[in-house]
Amino acid sequence: MIQLSRFDGREFYLNADMIQSVESTPDTVITLINNVKIVVKDKTEIVIQRIIQYHRLVRNPELPLKSGE
C-alpha cells in the first residue's frame, strides 16, 4: 500500500498493485486496473517513487532502500 493525499488534505492508502497508470494533467490522475480514476494532491514523481519503493520492499525486503526513497 502507498500513502496518498486527497485535495481536501485527507490521507488514504492505495494498493499499488491495482495501479494501471499515473498521469499529470496537471493534477495527478491515477487510473486503476478496473478503470476507476483517482485524482490526488501528490505530484506524479512522488507517486511513482512510492510505487517503486513499495515494489522493492515487497519483492526484496532485504534490499536496503536509499535515503529519500
N, C-alpha and C. Protein backbone atom coordinates (compact mmCIF):
# COMPACT_ATOMS: atom_id res chain seq x y z
N MET A 1 0.85 -1.17 0.00
CA MET A 1 0.00 0.00 0.00
C MET A 1 0.90 1.25 0.00
N ILE A 2 0.44 2.27 -0.69
CA ILE A 2 1.16 3.54 -0.68
C ILE A 2 0.24 4.62 -0.12
N GLN A 3 0.84 5.56 0.58
CA GLN A 3 0.07 6.64 1.19
C GLN A 3 -0.04 7.80 0.21
N LEU A 4 -1.27 8.31 0.05
CA LEU A 4 -1.53 9.42 -0.85
C LEU A 4 -2.43 10.43 -0.15
N SER A 5 -2.56 11.62 -0.74
CA SER A 5 -3.38 12.68 -0.15
C SER A 5 -4.44 13.16 -1.14
N ARG A 6 -5.65 13.34 -0.63
CA ARG A 6 -6.71 13.94 -1.43
C ARG A 6 -6.54 15.45 -1.38
N PHE A 7 -7.24 16.18 -2.22
CA PHE A 7 -7.11 17.64 -2.25
C PHE A 7 -7.63 18.30 -0.99
N ASP A 8 -8.52 17.63 -0.26
CA ASP A 8 -9.02 18.20 0.99
C ASP A 8 -8.09 17.92 2.16
N GLY A 9 -6.93 17.29 1.88
CA GLY A 9 -5.94 17.03 2.91
C GLY A 9 -6.03 15.66 3.56
N ARG A 10 -7.13 14.93 3.32
CA ARG A 10 -7.26 13.61 3.92
C ARG A 10 -6.28 12.65 3.25
N GLU A 11 -5.64 11.83 4.08
CA GLU A 11 -4.71 10.83 3.55
C GLU A 11 -5.41 9.48 3.46
N PHE A 12 -4.98 8.69 2.49
CA PHE A 12 -5.52 7.34 2.33
C PHE A 12 -4.43 6.45 1.78
N TYR A 13 -4.67 5.15 1.82
CA TYR A 13 -3.71 4.17 1.32
C TYR A 13 -4.31 3.47 0.11
N LEU A 14 -3.47 3.28 -0.90
CA LEU A 14 -3.90 2.66 -2.15
C LEU A 14 -3.02 1.44 -2.42
N ASN A 15 -3.64 0.36 -2.82
CA ASN A 15 -2.90 -0.84 -3.19
C ASN A 15 -2.15 -0.56 -4.50
N ALA A 16 -0.84 -0.51 -4.44
CA ALA A 16 -0.03 -0.16 -5.60
C ALA A 16 -0.15 -1.19 -6.72
N ASP A 17 -0.53 -2.42 -6.38
CA ASP A 17 -0.71 -3.44 -7.41
C ASP A 17 -1.94 -3.20 -8.27
N MET A 18 -2.82 -2.32 -7.84
CA MET A 18 -4.05 -2.01 -8.58
C MET A 18 -3.86 -0.87 -9.59
N ILE A 19 -2.68 -0.25 -9.60
CA ILE A 19 -2.44 0.93 -10.45
C ILE A 19 -2.09 0.51 -11.87
N GLN A 20 -2.82 1.06 -12.81
CA GLN A 20 -2.55 0.81 -14.23
C GLN A 20 -1.68 1.92 -14.81
N SER A 21 -2.00 3.18 -14.45
CA SER A 21 -1.21 4.30 -14.98
C SER A 21 -1.31 5.50 -14.04
N VAL A 22 -0.30 6.38 -14.19
CA VAL A 22 -0.25 7.63 -13.43
C VAL A 22 0.07 8.72 -14.44
N GLU A 23 -0.76 9.77 -14.44
CA GLU A 23 -0.52 10.85 -15.39
C GLU A 23 -0.70 12.21 -14.73
N SER A 24 -0.04 13.19 -15.30
CA SER A 24 -0.11 14.56 -14.82
C SER A 24 -0.91 15.37 -15.83
N THR A 25 -2.03 15.99 -15.38
CA THR A 25 -2.94 16.62 -16.35
C THR A 25 -3.36 18.05 -16.07
N PRO A 26 -2.87 18.94 -15.31
CA PRO A 26 -1.68 18.95 -14.46
C PRO A 26 -1.89 18.27 -13.11
N ASP A 27 -3.13 18.00 -12.69
CA ASP A 27 -3.31 17.24 -11.45
C ASP A 27 -2.86 15.80 -11.70
N THR A 28 -2.50 15.12 -10.64
CA THR A 28 -2.09 13.73 -10.76
C THR A 28 -3.32 12.84 -10.79
N VAL A 29 -3.48 12.11 -11.88
CA VAL A 29 -4.61 11.20 -12.06
C VAL A 29 -4.07 9.78 -12.10
N ILE A 30 -4.57 8.95 -11.18
CA ILE A 30 -4.19 7.55 -11.12
C ILE A 30 -5.35 6.73 -11.67
N THR A 31 -5.05 5.90 -12.66
CA THR A 31 -6.06 5.00 -13.22
C THR A 31 -5.78 3.60 -12.69
N LEU A 32 -6.80 2.99 -12.12
CA LEU A 32 -6.67 1.65 -11.58
C LEU A 32 -6.98 0.60 -12.65
N ILE A 33 -6.66 -0.64 -12.38
CA ILE A 33 -6.87 -1.69 -13.38
C ILE A 33 -8.35 -1.92 -13.69
N ASN A 34 -9.24 -1.44 -12.82
CA ASN A 34 -10.68 -1.54 -13.09
C ASN A 34 -11.23 -0.26 -13.74
N ASN A 35 -10.32 0.60 -14.21
CA ASN A 35 -10.61 1.86 -14.90
C ASN A 35 -11.18 2.96 -14.01
N VAL A 36 -11.16 2.78 -12.70
CA VAL A 36 -11.53 3.84 -11.77
C VAL A 36 -10.39 4.85 -11.76
N LYS A 37 -10.73 6.12 -11.81
CA LYS A 37 -9.72 7.19 -11.78
C LYS A 37 -9.76 7.90 -10.44
N ILE A 38 -8.58 8.17 -9.90
CA ILE A 38 -8.44 8.86 -8.62
C ILE A 38 -7.53 10.06 -8.84
N VAL A 39 -7.98 11.23 -8.42
CA VAL A 39 -7.16 12.45 -8.52
C VAL A 39 -6.58 12.70 -7.14
N VAL A 40 -5.26 12.88 -7.08
CA VAL A 40 -4.58 13.08 -5.80
C VAL A 40 -3.77 14.37 -5.81
N LYS A 41 -3.46 14.82 -4.61
CA LYS A 41 -2.70 16.06 -4.42
C LYS A 41 -1.21 15.84 -4.67
N ASP A 42 -0.73 14.62 -4.46
CA ASP A 42 0.69 14.31 -4.60
C ASP A 42 1.15 14.46 -6.05
N LYS A 43 2.36 14.94 -6.22
CA LYS A 43 2.94 15.10 -7.56
C LYS A 43 3.18 13.71 -8.17
N THR A 44 3.12 13.65 -9.50
CA THR A 44 3.31 12.40 -10.22
C THR A 44 4.63 11.72 -9.84
N GLU A 45 5.70 12.49 -9.76
CA GLU A 45 7.01 11.93 -9.44
C GLU A 45 7.02 11.25 -8.07
N ILE A 46 6.33 11.86 -7.10
CA ILE A 46 6.26 11.29 -5.74
C ILE A 46 5.47 9.99 -5.76
N VAL A 47 4.37 9.96 -6.49
CA VAL A 47 3.56 8.74 -6.58
C VAL A 47 4.40 7.61 -7.19
N ILE A 48 5.13 7.91 -8.24
CA ILE A 48 5.96 6.89 -8.89
C ILE A 48 7.05 6.40 -7.95
N GLN A 49 7.69 7.31 -7.20
CA GLN A 49 8.70 6.91 -6.23
C GLN A 49 8.11 5.97 -5.18
N ARG A 50 6.91 6.27 -4.72
CA ARG A 50 6.27 5.43 -3.70
C ARG A 50 5.91 4.05 -4.26
N ILE A 51 5.49 4.01 -5.52
CA ILE A 51 5.19 2.72 -6.16
C ILE A 51 6.46 1.88 -6.26
N ILE A 52 7.56 2.50 -6.70
CA ILE A 52 8.83 1.79 -6.82
C ILE A 52 9.29 1.30 -5.46
N GLN A 53 9.21 2.14 -4.44
CA GLN A 53 9.62 1.76 -3.10
C GLN A 53 8.78 0.58 -2.60
N TYR A 54 7.47 0.63 -2.84
CA TYR A 54 6.58 -0.45 -2.43
C TYR A 54 6.99 -1.77 -3.08
N HIS A 55 7.22 -1.74 -4.39
CA HIS A 55 7.58 -2.97 -5.10
C HIS A 55 8.94 -3.50 -4.67
N ARG A 56 9.88 -2.63 -4.39
CA ARG A 56 11.18 -3.08 -3.88
C ARG A 56 11.02 -3.76 -2.53
N LEU A 57 10.22 -3.17 -1.68
CA LEU A 57 10.01 -3.71 -0.34
C LEU A 57 9.31 -5.07 -0.40
N VAL A 58 8.31 -5.19 -1.25
CA VAL A 58 7.54 -6.44 -1.35
C VAL A 58 8.36 -7.54 -2.02
N ARG A 59 9.07 -7.22 -3.07
CA ARG A 59 9.77 -8.24 -3.84
C ARG A 59 11.14 -8.61 -3.27
N ASN A 60 11.77 -7.69 -2.56
CA ASN A 60 13.09 -7.97 -2.00
C ASN A 60 13.24 -7.20 -0.69
N PRO A 61 12.61 -7.63 0.39
CA PRO A 61 12.63 -6.88 1.65
C PRO A 61 14.00 -6.72 2.27
N GLU A 62 14.97 -7.53 1.84
CA GLU A 62 16.31 -7.42 2.42
C GLU A 62 17.18 -6.41 1.69
N LEU A 63 16.72 -5.91 0.54
CA LEU A 63 17.45 -4.92 -0.21
C LEU A 63 17.33 -3.57 0.50
N PRO A 64 18.46 -2.95 0.89
CA PRO A 64 18.35 -1.67 1.58
C PRO A 64 17.85 -0.58 0.65
N LEU A 65 16.99 0.28 1.16
CA LEU A 65 16.48 1.42 0.40
C LEU A 65 17.41 2.60 0.60
N LYS A 66 17.63 3.36 -0.47
CA LYS A 66 18.44 4.57 -0.35
C LYS A 66 17.64 5.60 0.42
N SER A 67 18.32 6.49 1.12
CA SER A 67 17.59 7.54 1.84
C SER A 67 16.91 8.44 0.82
N GLY A 68 15.70 8.90 1.17
CA GLY A 68 14.93 9.74 0.27
C GLY A 68 14.02 8.94 -0.64
N GLU A 69 14.05 7.62 -0.52
CA GLU A 69 13.16 6.78 -1.35
C GLU A 69 12.05 6.22 -0.49
